[in-house]
Amino acid sequence: MTPIAALRRITFLKGLPDQLLVDVATKGGTRKLGPAETLFAEHQRCIGLLVVLTGAVRVYSLDRRGREITLDRQEPGESILELPLFDGGNYPASAVAATNDTSVFILPRADFQQLMLDHPELAGSALRYLAIRMRRLLKMLEAQALHTVQARLAAYLIHVSAGSTEFRLTATNEAIGSSIGTVRDVVSRTLRSLKEQGAISLKGRTIVITNRELLRKIAEL
């Protein structure tokens, strides 16, 4: 994905004239990341507007025991942890490349701040966007607090099955973990557990729901 194409997909930039987005794209640069390479670390000063061009970026934090907790995962055309762009603070979490072919567009924060000054209507769009992200985060935290990983994974499988008995998991276990608030290894173990309980069967990345009622019960639906 080109920088201009990615910028056109950012929610709080969509209302800007196309020529302005072209100008923004020329002011930024592209950074390629190696496998699991760090884009930024928790408490680091804000780099600027970061938009995924290829691959994916995983945002995570560490708990008291040093375990990584995945908070989000950004795909091409999505911006990364925007809060410091607006409040001037440091990053509240870390971000690393989640694939082998990750590249990111970077617009320095000073240039983004000038963009905000020149186009104050961006502030309203940014506030709405941040409110949407906050609601999404609160829902994730609520799910983690009220439901076990097994329940969250069962609910995820029911959702992606779209009513089918047999379907293929297109997302990696790491991506699934990002969606339900856990890590890849736990997803793998939990899939095996659901199989042992008779709720599903596994054929590589193909899932067969052998007992939908049991899966719904585990999901607490």
C-alpha atoms as a PDB file:
ATOM      1  CA  MET A   1       0.000   0.000   0.000  1.00  0.00           C
ATOM      2  CA  THR A   2       1.321   3.462  -0.889  1.00  0.00           C
ATOM      3  CA  PRO A   3       1.478   6.233   1.744  1.00  0.00           C
ATOM      4  CA  ILE A   4      -1.234   8.276   0.018  1.00  0.00           C
ATOM      5  CA  ALA A   5      -3.539   5.246  -0.190  1.00  0.00           C
ATOM      6  CA  ALA A   6      -2.960   4.503   3.493  1.00  0.00           C
ATOM      7  CA  LEU A   7      -3.597   8.113   4.543  1.00  0.00           C
ATOM      8  CA  ARG A   8      -6.905   8.101   2.683  1.00  0.00           C
ATOM      9  CA  ARG A   9      -8.058   5.287   4.983  1.00  0.00           C
ATOM     10  CA  ILE A  10      -7.271   7.047   8.271  1.00  0.00           C
ATOM     11  CA  THR A  11     -10.573   8.020   9.871  1.00  0.00           C
ATOM     12  CA  PHE A  12      -9.555  11.466  11.112  1.00  0.00           C
ATOM     13  CA  LEU A  13      -7.862  12.394   7.810  1.00  0.00           C
ATOM     14  CA  LYS A  14     -10.623  11.343   5.414  1.00  0.00           C
ATOM     15  CA  GLY A  15     -12.159  14.804   5.255  1.00  0.00           C
ATOM     16  CA  LEU A  16      -8.996  16.510   4.021  1.00  0.00           C
ATOM     17  CA  PRO A  17      -8.627  17.527   0.353  1.00  0.00           C
ATOM     18  CA  ASP A  18      -6.867  14.906  -1.719  1.00  0.00           C
ATOM     19  CA  GLN A  19      -4.061  17.270  -2.726  1.00  0.00           C
ATOM     20  CA  LEU A  20      -3.370  17.999   0.936  1.00  0.00           C
ATOM     21  CA  LEU A  21      -3.019  14.290   1.648  1.00  0.00           C
ATOM     22  CA  VAL A  22      -0.563  14.067  -1.229  1.00  0.00           C
ATOM     23  CA  ASP A  23       1.446  16.894   0.367  1.00  0.00           C
ATOM     24  CA  VAL A  24       1.338  15.118   3.733  1.00  0.00           C
ATOM     25  CA  ALA A  25       2.582  11.911   2.111  1.00  0.00           C
ATOM     26  CA  THR A  26       5.594  13.741   0.641  1.00  0.00           C
ATOM     27  CA  LYS A  27       6.566  15.154   4.055  1.00  0.00           C
ATOM     28  CA  GLY A  28       6.754  11.739   5.652  1.00  0.00           C
ATOM     29  CA  GLY A  29       9.004   8.762   5.166  1.00  0.00           C
ATOM     30  CA  THR A  30       8.838   4.985   5.142  1.00  0.00           C
ATOM     31  CA  ARG A  31      10.521   2.625   7.585  1.00  0.00           C
ATOM     32  CA  LYS A  32      10.872  -1.099   7.023  1.00  0.00           C
ATOM     33  CA  LEU A  33      10.924  -3.372  10.066  1.00  0.00           C
ATOM     34  CA  GLY A  34      12.520  -6.772  10.462  1.00  0.00           C
ATOM     35  CA  PRO A  35      10.693  -9.672  12.131  1.00  0.00           C
ATOM     36  CA  ALA A  36       9.658  -8.648  15.681  1.00  0.00           C
ATOM     37  CA  GLU A  37      11.660  -5.419  15.368  1.00  0.00           C
ATOM     38  CA  THR A  38      10.630  -2.690  17.803  1.00  0.00           C
ATOM     39  CA  LEU A  39       8.929   0.347  16.297  1.00  0.00           C
ATOM     40  CA  PHE A  40       8.790   2.173  19.623  1.00  0.00           C
ATOM     41  CA  ALA A  41       9.069   1.290  23.301  1.00  0.00           C
ATOM     42  CA  GLU A  42       6.809   2.137  26.214  1.00  0.00           C
ATOM     43  CA  HIS A  43       7.643   5.584  27.696  1.00  0.00           C
ATOM     44  CA  GLN A  44       9.468   6.616  24.518  1.00  0.00           C
ATOM     45  CA  ARG A  45       8.683  10.072  23.144  1.00  0.00           C
ATOM     46  CA  CYS A  46       6.159  10.240  20.335  1.00  0.00           C
ATOM     47  CA  ILE A  47       7.631   9.707  16.866  1.00  0.00           C
ATOM     48  CA  GLY A  48       4.691  11.095  14.940  1.00  0.00           C
ATOM     49  CA  LEU A  49       1.794   9.808  12.902  1.00  0.00           C
ATOM     50  CA  LEU A  50       2.473   6.127  12.191  1.00  0.00           C
ATOM     51  CA  VAL A  51       0.506   4.243   9.540  1.00  0.00           C
ATOM     52  CA  VAL A  52       0.996   0.617   8.534  1.00  0.00           C
ATOM     53  CA  LEU A  53       1.751   0.173   4.825  1.00  0.00           C
ATOM     54  CA  THR A  54       2.512  -3.543   4.664  1.00  0.00           C
ATOM     55  CA  GLY A  55       2.457  -6.394   7.148  1.00  0.00           C
ATOM     56  CA  ALA A  56       1.162  -5.646  10.633  1.00  0.00           C
ATOM     57  CA  VAL A  57       2.211  -4.005  13.897  1.00  0.00           C
ATOM     58  CA  ARG A  58       1.401  -5.411  17.331  1.00  0.00           C
ATOM     59  CA  VAL A  59       0.932  -3.064  20.281  1.00  0.00           C
ATOM     60  CA  TYR A  60       1.583  -4.604  23.695  1.00  0.00           C
ATOM     61  CA  SER A  61       2.333  -3.900  27.331  1.00  0.00           C
ATOM     62  CA  LEU A  62       4.011  -5.920  30.089  1.00  0.00           C
ATOM     63  CA  ASP A  63       2.277  -7.063  33.250  1.00  0.00           C
ATOM     64  CA  ARG A  64       3.942  -7.232  36.665  1.00  0.00           C
ATOM     65  CA  ARG A  65       5.367 -10.659  35.877  1.00  0.00           C
ATOM     66  CA  GLY A  66       6.894  -9.463  32.630  1.00  0.00           C
ATOM     67  CA  ARG A  67       4.372 -11.202  30.407  1.00  0.00           C
ATOM     68  CA  GLU A  68       3.327  -9.466  27.210  1.00  0.00           C
ATOM     69  CA  ILE A  69      -0.315  -8.438  26.960  1.00  0.00           C
ATOM     70  CA  THR A  70      -1.406  -7.671  23.404  1.00  0.00           C
ATOM     71  CA  LEU A  71      -3.518  -4.519  23.287  1.00  0.00           C
ATOM     72  CA  ASP A  72      -4.033  -4.085  19.561  1.00  0.00           C
ATOM     73  CA  ARG A  73      -2.862  -5.098  16.119  1.00  0.00           C
ATOM     74  CA  GLN A  74      -2.772  -2.701  13.182  1.00  0.00           C
ATOM     75  CA  GLU A  75      -3.041  -3.816   9.554  1.00  0.00           C
ATOM     76  CA  PRO A  76      -2.275  -1.849   6.345  1.00  0.00           C
ATOM     77  CA  GLY A  77      -4.149   1.456   6.251  1.00  0.00           C
ATOM     78  CA  GLU A  78      -4.432   1.731  10.045  1.00  0.00           C
ATOM     79  CA  SER A  79      -2.664   4.210  12.315  1.00  0.00           C
ATOM     80  CA  ILE A  80      -0.778   3.134  15.436  1.00  0.00           C
ATOM     81  CA  LEU A  81      -1.350   4.315  19.024  1.00  0.00           C
ATOM     82  CA  GLU A  82      -2.290   7.892  18.174  1.00  0.00           C
ATOM     83  CA  LEU A  83      -2.843   9.222  21.714  1.00  0.00           C
ATOM     84  CA  PRO A  84       0.642  10.837  22.116  1.00  0.00           C
ATOM     85  CA  LEU A  85       0.040  12.699  18.854  1.00  0.00           C
ATOM     86  CA  PHE A  86      -2.669  14.702  20.573  1.00  0.00           C
ATOM     87  CA  ASP A  87      -1.689  14.914  24.253  1.00  0.00           C
ATOM     88  CA  GLY A  88       2.081  15.309  23.785  1.00  0.00           C
ATOM     89  CA  GLY A  89       2.874  12.496  26.216  1.00  0.00           C
ATOM     90  CA  ASN A  90       5.058   9.445  25.797  1.00  0.00           C
ATOM     91  CA  TYR A  91       3.901   6.109  24.438  1.00  0.00           C
ATOM     92  CA  PRO A  92       1.837   4.140  27.008  1.00  0.00           C
ATOM     93  CA  ALA A  93       2.784   0.827  25.363  1.00  0.00           C
ATOM     94  CA  SER A  94       5.305  -0.726  22.982  1.00  0.00           C
ATOM     95  CA  ALA A  95       4.936  -1.729  19.330  1.00  0.00           C
ATOM     96  CA  VAL A  96       6.751  -4.348  17.243  1.00  0.00           C
ATOM     97  CA  ALA A  97       6.506  -5.748  13.727  1.00  0.00           C
ATOM     98  CA  ALA A  98       4.074  -8.658  13.707  1.00  0.00           C
ATOM     99  CA  THR A  99       5.088 -10.010  10.276  1.00  0.00           C
ATOM    100  CA  ASN A 100       8.246 -10.395   8.210  1.00  0.00           C
ATOM    101  CA  ASP A 101       7.250  -7.770   5.640  1.00  0.00           C
ATOM    102  CA  THR A 102       6.192  -4.840   7.820  1.00  0.00           C
ATOM    103  CA  SER A 103       6.668  -1.250   6.689  1.00  0.00           C
ATOM    104  CA  VAL A 104       5.328   1.939   8.260  1.00  0.00           C
ATOM    105  CA  PHE A 105       4.737   5.482   7.016  1.00  0.00           C
ATOM    106  CA  ILE A 106       5.995   8.109   9.492  1.00  0.00           C
ATOM    107  CA  LEU A 107       4.964  11.753   9.568  1.00  0.00           C
ATOM    108  CA  PRO A 108       7.010  13.598  12.261  1.00  0.00           C
ATOM    109  CA  ARG A 109       4.884  14.942  15.114  1.00  0.00           C
ATOM    110  CA  ALA A 110       5.914  18.551  14.400  1.00  0.00           C
ATOM    111  CA  ASP A 111       4.504  18.238  10.871  1.00  0.00           C
ATOM    112  CA  PHE A 112       1.328  16.670  12.209  1.00  0.00           C
ATOM    113  CA  GLN A 113       0.919  19.477  14.741  1.00  0.00           C
ATOM    114  CA  GLN A 114       1.251  22.033  11.959  1.00  0.00           C
ATOM    115  CA  LEU A 115      -1.379  20.138  10.003  1.00  0.00           C
ATOM    116  CA  MET A 116      -3.700  20.411  13.014  1.00  0.00           C
ATOM    117  CA  LEU A 117      -3.085  24.167  13.257  1.00  0.00           C
ATOM    118  CA  ASP A 118      -3.741  24.709   9.564  1.00  0.00           C
ATOM    119  CA  HIS A 119      -6.880  22.532   9.600  1.00  0.00           C
ATOM    120  CA  PRO A 120      -8.661  22.865  12.983  1.00  0.00           C
ATOM    121  CA  GLU A 121     -11.535  20.715  11.716  1.00  0.00           C
ATOM    122  CA  LEU A 122      -9.180  17.785  12.273  1.00  0.00           C
ATOM    123  CA  ALA A 123      -9.654  18.194  16.023  1.00  0.00           C
ATOM    124  CA  GLY A 124     -13.318  17.192  15.859  1.00  0.00           C
ATOM    125  CA  SER A 125     -12.557  14.190  13.687  1.00  0.00           C
ATOM    126  CA  ALA A 126      -9.734  13.140  15.993  1.00  0.00           C
ATOM    127  CA  LEU A 127     -11.937  13.372  19.091  1.00  0.00           C
ATOM    128  CA  ARG A 128     -14.604  11.185  17.503  1.00  0.00           C
ATOM    129  CA  TYR A 129     -11.967   8.677  16.421  1.00  0.00           C
ATOM    130  CA  LEU A 130     -10.385   8.514  19.881  1.00  0.00           C
ATOM    131  CA  ALA A 131     -13.822   8.049  21.450  1.00  0.00           C
ATOM    132  CA  ILE A 132     -14.451   5.067  19.145  1.00  0.00           C
ATOM    133  CA  ARG A 133     -11.072   3.571  20.069  1.00  0.00           C
ATOM    134  CA  MET A 134     -11.811   4.108  23.775  1.00  0.00           C
ATOM    135  CA  ARG A 135     -15.126   2.268  23.496  1.00  0.00           C
ATOM    136  CA  ARG A 136     -13.369  -0.597  21.713  1.00  0.00           C
ATOM    137  CA  LEU A 137     -10.708  -0.793  24.429  1.00  0.00           C
ATOM    138  CA  LEU A 138     -13.299  -0.733  27.217  1.00  0.00           C
ATOM    139  CA  LYS A 139     -15.195  -3.591  25.570  1.00  0.00           C
ATOM    140  CA  MET A 140     -11.989  -5.605  25.329  1.00  0.00           C
ATOM    141  CA  LEU A 141     -11.135  -4.933  28.976  1.00  0.00           C
ATOM    142  CA  GLU A 142     -14.667  -5.866  30.013  1.00  0.00           C
ATOM    143  CA  ALA A 143     -14.438  -9.134  28.101  1.00  0.00           C
ATOM    144  CA  GLN A 144     -11.092  -9.950  29.702  1.00  0.00           C
ATOM    145  CA  ALA A 145     -12.406  -9.155  33.173  1.00  0.00           C
ATOM    146  CA  LEU A 146     -15.676 -11.068  32.899  1.00  0.00           C
ATOM    147  CA  HIS A 147     -14.809 -14.030  30.662  1.00  0.00           C
ATOM    148  CA  THR A 148     -12.070 -16.648  30.541  1.00  0.00           C
ATOM    149  CA  VAL A 149      -9.787 -17.037  27.530  1.00  0.00           C
ATOM    150  CA  GLN A 150     -11.678 -20.222  26.669  1.00  0.00           C
ATOM    151  CA  ALA A 151     -14.995 -18.352  26.670  1.00  0.00           C
ATOM    152  CA  ARG A 152     -13.563 -15.528  24.570  1.00  0.00           C
ATOM    153  CA  LEU A 153     -12.049 -17.938  22.025  1.00  0.00           C
ATOM    154  CA  ALA A 154     -15.296 -19.928  21.806  1.00  0.00           C
ATOM    155  CA  ALA A 155     -17.206 -16.705  21.153  1.00  0.00           C
ATOM    156  CA  TYR A 156     -14.623 -15.726  18.523  1.00  0.00           C
ATOM    157  CA  LEU A 157     -15.038 -19.049  16.708  1.00  0.00           C
ATOM    158  CA  ILE A 158     -18.820 -18.731  16.726  1.00  0.00           C
ATOM    159  CA  HIS A 159     -18.520 -15.229  15.284  1.00  0.00           C
ATOM    160  CA  VAL A 160     -16.070 -16.069  12.476  1.00  0.00           C
ATOM    161  CA  SER A 161     -17.944 -19.260  11.573  1.00  0.00           C
ATOM    162  CA  ALA A 162     -20.818 -17.050  10.356  1.00  0.00           C
ATOM    163  CA  GLY A 163     -23.219 -19.953  10.900  1.00  0.00           C
ATOM    164  CA  SER A 164     -21.108 -22.539   9.056  1.00  0.00           C
ATOM    165  CA  THR A 165     -20.191 -25.850  10.618  1.00  0.00           C
ATOM    166  CA  GLU A 166     -16.846 -26.047   8.840  1.00  0.00           C
ATOM    167  CA  PHE A 167     -14.646 -23.029   8.108  1.00  0.00           C
ATOM    168  CA  ARG A 168     -11.004 -22.058   7.765  1.00  0.00           C
ATOM    169  CA  LEU A 169      -9.193 -19.787  10.215  1.00  0.00           C
ATOM    170  CA  THR A 170      -7.677 -17.097   8.012  1.00  0.00           C
ATOM    171  CA  ALA A 171      -6.146 -15.220  10.966  1.00  0.00           C
ATOM    172  CA  THR A 172      -2.976 -16.508  12.631  1.00  0.00           C
ATOM    173  CA  ASN A 173      -3.089 -17.591  16.266  1.00  0.00           C
ATOM    174  CA  GLU A 174      -1.155 -14.432  17.090  1.00  0.00           C
ATOM    175  CA  ALA A 175      -3.799 -12.283  15.388  1.00  0.00           C
ATOM    176  CA  ILE A 176      -6.573 -14.205  17.127  1.00  0.00           C
ATOM    177  CA  GLY A 177      -4.796 -13.624  20.430  1.00  0.00           C
ATOM    178  CA  SER A 178      -4.703  -9.908  19.677  1.00  0.00           C
ATOM    179  CA  SER A 179      -8.441  -9.961  19.057  1.00  0.00           C
ATOM    180  CA  ILE A 180      -9.367 -11.687  22.306  1.00  0.00           C
ATOM    181  CA  GLY A 181      -6.662 -10.295  24.592  1.00  0.00           C
ATOM    182  CA  THR A 182      -4.193 -13.154  24.944  1.00  0.00           C
ATOM    183  CA  VAL A 183      -1.087 -14.586  23.273  1.00  0.00           C
ATOM    184  CA  ARG A 184      -0.449 -17.099  20.495  1.00  0.00           C
ATOM    185  CA  ASP A 185       0.569 -20.056  22.688  1.00  0.00           C
ATOM    186  CA  VAL A 186      -2.550 -19.721  24.841  1.00  0.00           C
ATOM    187  CA  VAL A 187      -4.726 -19.690  21.695  1.00  0.00           C
ATOM    188  CA  SER A 188      -3.079 -22.936  20.538  1.00  0.00           C
ATOM    189  CA  ARG A 189      -3.599 -24.622  23.920  1.00  0.00           C
ATOM    190  CA  THR A 190      -7.180 -23.431  24.152  1.00  0.00           C
ATOM    191  CA  LEU A 191      -8.041 -24.708  20.671  1.00  0.00           C
ATOM    192  CA  ARG A 192      -6.746 -28.120  21.736  1.00  0.00           C
ATOM    193  CA  SER A 193      -8.811 -27.900  24.913  1.00  0.00           C
ATOM    194  CA  LEU A 194     -11.976 -27.131  22.955  1.00  0.00           C
ATOM    195  CA  LYS A 195     -11.203 -30.131  20.749  1.00  0.00           C
ATOM    196  CA  GLU A 196     -10.689 -32.420  23.763  1.00  0.00           C
ATOM    197  CA  GLN A 197     -14.038 -31.290  25.179  1.00  0.00           C
ATOM    198  CA  GLY A 198     -15.761 -32.269  21.940  1.00  0.00           C
ATOM    199  CA  ALA A 199     -16.847 -28.794  20.905  1.00  0.00           C
ATOM    200  CA  ILE A 200     -14.689 -28.663  17.749  1.00  0.00           C
ATOM    201  CA  SER A 201     -12.352 -30.739  15.644  1.00  0.00           C
ATOM    202  CA  LEU A 202      -9.193 -29.467  13.961  1.00  0.00           C
ATOM    203  CA  LYS A 203      -7.876 -30.155  10.463  1.00  0.00           C
ATOM    204  CA  GLY A 204      -4.859 -27.901  10.185  1.00  0.00           C
ATOM    205  CA  ARG A 205      -6.361 -24.395  10.008  1.00  0.00           C
ATOM    206  CA  THR A 206      -9.832 -25.764   9.303  1.00  0.00           C
ATOM    207  CA  ILE A 207     -12.285 -25.802  12.194  1.00  0.00           C
ATOM    208  CA  VAL A 208     -15.282 -28.117  12.347  1.00  0.00           C
ATOM    209  CA  ILE A 209     -17.855 -27.252  15.006  1.00  0.00           C
ATOM    210  CA  THR A 210     -18.927 -30.673  16.218  1.00  0.00           C
ATOM    211  CA  ASN A 211     -21.137 -29.451  19.049  1.00  0.00           C
ATOM    212  CA  ARG A 212     -22.381 -25.882  18.573  1.00  0.00           C
ATOM    213  CA  GLU A 213     -24.522 -25.906  21.711  1.00  0.00           C
ATOM    214  CA  LEU A 214     -21.518 -26.912  23.809  1.00  0.00           C
ATOM    215  CA  LEU A 215     -19.412 -24.216  22.137  1.00  0.00           C
ATOM    216  CA  ARG A 216     -22.118 -21.630  22.893  1.00  0.00           C
ATOM    217  CA  LYS A 217     -22.259 -22.803  26.497  1.00  0.00           C
ATOM    218  CA  ILE A 218     -18.481 -22.451  26.825  1.00  0.00           C
ATOM    219  CA  ALA A 219     -18.734 -18.995  25.249  1.00  0.00           C
ATOM    220  CA  GLU A 220     -21.342 -18.093  27.874  1.00  0.00           C
ATOM    221  CA  LEU A 221     -23.700 -16.879  25.133  1.00  0.00           C
END
